[in-house]
Amino acid sequence: MERPEPPVVTALRRLPNPRLTGLGAGLFASAVMLVIGFLDWLILDGSPVAFGLLFLPVSALTALWVRTADLVTAPISVPIAFAVGVVPISGGTGGVGGQAMALVTALAVHAGWLYGGTLVAGVIASVRKVRDMGRRQRAAAATGGGKPVRPVRRPAPERG
């Protein structure tokens, strides 16, 4: 007799499960963080805590929605998305130089959120990669192709 699934699992199965390319995942994260940055600037006057808290689920979704072949791009694109999104709330004035200095300062001050989101994306991508490797190994073993091939050892040439 099968046990029924917990309600959380049933709810998670109903969520969308897109598979984005590496570039698509980077664009998704950057666009969402830019929108979050502007909304944070308009509604909360640039609250770094709200921005950081919203960055964490975006990081998780980016790592969950990227294709298995492009998993390595998730921890790379997430910090770029953070930098894109922090522009509206960095508060720079005085032209391009002032904006650039405010952006660098904001990235340095909010590095904890940046590292946290990158860690979230890295852990999720790593777990997905390990699970995929195990799945491939089990599939290869089931088809008979999982037997390891021993390398041929040739004797070392004799010195004369």
Protein backbone atom coordinates (compact mmCIF):
# COMPACT_ATOMS: atom_id res chain seq x y z
CA MET A 1 0.00 0.00 0.00
CA GLU A 2 1.45 3.34 -1.06
CA ARG A 3 1.66 6.24 1.32
CA PRO A 4 0.09 9.48 0.12
CA GLU A 5 2.48 12.33 -0.67
CA PRO A 6 2.81 15.11 1.89
CA PRO A 7 0.95 18.30 0.92
CA VAL A 8 4.24 20.18 0.53
CA VAL A 9 5.46 17.73 -2.11
CA THR A 10 2.15 17.93 -3.95
CA ALA A 11 2.32 21.74 -3.93
CA LEU A 12 5.93 21.73 -5.17
CA ARG A 13 5.04 19.42 -8.05
CA ARG A 14 2.47 21.97 -9.25
CA LEU A 15 5.05 24.76 -9.51
CA PRO A 16 6.50 25.56 -12.93
CA ASN A 17 9.64 23.64 -13.82
CA PRO A 18 11.25 25.56 -16.68
CA ARG A 19 14.68 24.61 -17.96
CA LEU A 20 16.65 27.71 -18.86
CA THR A 21 19.95 27.79 -20.69
CA GLY A 22 22.90 29.31 -18.89
CA LEU A 23 22.38 32.61 -20.66
CA GLY A 24 18.63 32.46 -20.04
CA ALA A 25 19.17 31.84 -16.33
CA GLY A 26 21.54 34.79 -16.13
CA LEU A 27 19.09 37.05 -17.95
CA PHE A 28 16.23 35.82 -15.76
CA ALA A 29 18.15 36.54 -12.55
CA SER A 30 19.40 39.93 -13.78
CA ALA A 31 15.98 41.08 -14.95
CA VAL A 32 14.24 39.97 -11.76
CA MET A 33 16.88 41.59 -9.55
CA LEU A 34 16.68 44.83 -11.53
CA VAL A 35 12.90 44.90 -11.09
CA ILE A 36 13.31 44.10 -7.38
CA GLY A 37 15.89 46.88 -7.09
CA PHE A 38 13.58 49.46 -8.65
CA LEU A 39 10.60 48.32 -6.58
CA ASP A 40 12.74 48.41 -3.43
CA TRP A 41 13.87 51.92 -4.33
CA LEU A 42 10.30 53.10 -4.99
CA ILE A 43 8.47 51.39 -2.14
CA LEU A 44 11.03 50.90 0.64
CA ASP A 45 13.47 53.72 -0.20
CA GLY A 46 16.27 51.29 -1.05
CA SER A 47 16.17 48.90 1.91
CA PRO A 48 19.24 46.65 1.65
CA VAL A 49 17.71 44.01 3.93
CA ALA A 50 14.60 43.64 1.77
CA PHE A 51 16.77 43.50 -1.35
CA GLY A 52 19.04 40.87 0.19
CA LEU A 53 16.15 38.76 1.45
CA LEU A 54 14.57 38.77 -2.01
CA PHE A 55 17.92 37.95 -3.61
CA LEU A 56 18.10 34.58 -1.83
CA PRO A 57 14.97 33.04 -3.46
CA VAL A 58 15.98 34.44 -6.84
CA SER A 59 19.33 32.69 -6.42
CA ALA A 60 17.58 29.44 -5.52
CA LEU A 61 15.16 29.65 -8.46
CA THR A 62 18.00 30.40 -10.85
CA ALA A 63 19.89 27.30 -9.70
CA LEU A 64 16.73 25.18 -9.81
CA TRP A 65 15.57 26.30 -13.24
CA VAL A 66 18.86 26.14 -15.16
CA ARG A 67 19.38 23.11 -17.41
CA THR A 68 21.50 20.29 -16.06
CA ALA A 69 24.10 20.86 -18.78
CA ASP A 70 24.45 24.50 -17.71
CA LEU A 71 24.54 24.05 -13.93
CA VAL A 72 27.96 25.65 -13.63
CA THR A 73 26.52 28.98 -14.80
CA ALA A 74 24.12 29.42 -11.87
CA PRO A 75 26.71 30.38 -9.22
CA ILE A 76 28.37 32.63 -11.81
CA SER A 77 25.29 34.50 -13.03
CA VAL A 78 23.78 35.10 -9.59
CA PRO A 79 26.44 37.60 -8.38
CA ILE A 80 26.19 39.42 -11.70
CA ALA A 81 22.43 39.68 -11.18
CA PHE A 82 23.03 41.06 -7.67
CA ALA A 83 25.31 43.76 -9.11
CA VAL A 84 22.73 44.65 -11.77
CA GLY A 85 19.93 44.84 -9.22
CA VAL A 86 21.81 46.88 -6.65
CA VAL A 87 22.29 49.79 -9.09
CA PRO A 88 18.93 51.45 -8.32
CA ILE A 89 19.39 51.26 -4.55
CA SER A 90 23.09 52.20 -4.44
CA GLY A 91 22.23 55.89 -4.18
CA GLY A 92 25.03 57.39 -6.25
CA THR A 93 25.05 61.03 -7.32
CA GLY A 94 27.36 63.21 -9.34
CA GLY A 95 27.61 61.52 -12.70
CA VAL A 96 29.16 58.27 -13.82
CA GLY A 97 32.02 58.38 -11.32
CA GLY A 98 29.67 58.92 -8.40
CA GLN A 99 27.37 56.14 -9.57
CA ALA A 100 30.31 53.75 -10.00
CA MET A 101 31.67 54.57 -6.55
CA ALA A 102 28.24 54.10 -4.98
CA LEU A 103 27.86 50.74 -6.76
CA VAL A 104 31.26 49.49 -5.55
CA THR A 105 30.47 50.66 -2.03
CA ALA A 106 27.05 48.97 -2.08
CA LEU A 107 28.62 45.72 -3.29
CA ALA A 108 31.20 45.88 -0.52
CA VAL A 109 28.70 46.74 2.21
CA HIS A 110 26.19 44.09 1.15
CA ALA A 111 28.76 41.37 0.45
CA GLY A 112 27.10 39.10 3.03
CA TRP A 113 23.91 38.92 0.98
CA LEU A 114 25.96 38.48 -2.18
CA TYR A 115 27.94 35.58 -0.71
CA GLY A 116 24.81 34.05 0.81
CA GLY A 117 22.92 34.01 -2.49
CA THR A 118 25.96 32.68 -4.32
CA LEU A 119 26.30 29.95 -1.71
CA VAL A 120 22.61 29.04 -2.10
CA ALA A 121 22.98 28.78 -5.88
CA GLY A 122 26.23 26.83 -5.57
CA VAL A 123 24.84 24.30 -3.11
CA ILE A 124 21.67 23.74 -5.15
CA ALA A 125 23.65 23.39 -8.38
CA SER A 126 26.10 20.98 -6.73
CA VAL A 127 23.34 18.81 -5.29
CA ARG A 128 21.59 18.71 -8.65
CA LYS A 129 24.84 17.76 -10.38
CA VAL A 130 25.61 14.96 -7.90
CA ARG A 131 22.06 13.60 -8.24
CA ASP A 132 22.35 13.73 -12.04
CA MET A 133 25.68 11.88 -11.96
CA GLY A 134 24.17 9.19 -9.74
CA ARG A 135 21.15 8.89 -12.01
CA ARG A 136 23.40 8.49 -15.06
CA GLN A 137 25.52 5.90 -13.29
CA ARG A 138 22.46 3.87 -12.29
CA ALA A 139 21.08 4.07 -15.84
CA ALA A 140 24.39 2.92 -17.29
CA ALA A 141 24.58 0.05 -14.80
CA ALA A 142 21.03 -1.00 -15.62
CA THR A 143 21.82 -1.21 -19.34
CA GLY A 144 25.03 -3.16 -18.75
CA GLY A 145 27.29 -0.28 -19.71
CA GLY A 146 28.15 0.51 -16.12
CA LYS A 147 31.04 -1.92 -15.82
CA PRO A 148 34.28 -0.01 -15.49
CA VAL A 149 36.83 -0.57 -18.20
CA ARG A 150 40.26 -1.37 -16.84
CA PRO A 151 43.08 0.41 -18.60
CA VAL A 152 45.62 -1.73 -20.37
CA ARG A 153 48.94 -1.64 -18.58
CA ARG A 154 51.96 -1.85 -20.77
CA PRO A 155 55.30 -2.79 -19.27
CA ALA A 156 57.82 -0.02 -19.04
CA PRO A 157 60.51 -0.18 -21.71
CA GLU A 158 63.77 -1.68 -20.55
CA ARG A 159 66.76 0.53 -20.45
CA GLY A 160 69.78 -0.86 -22.07
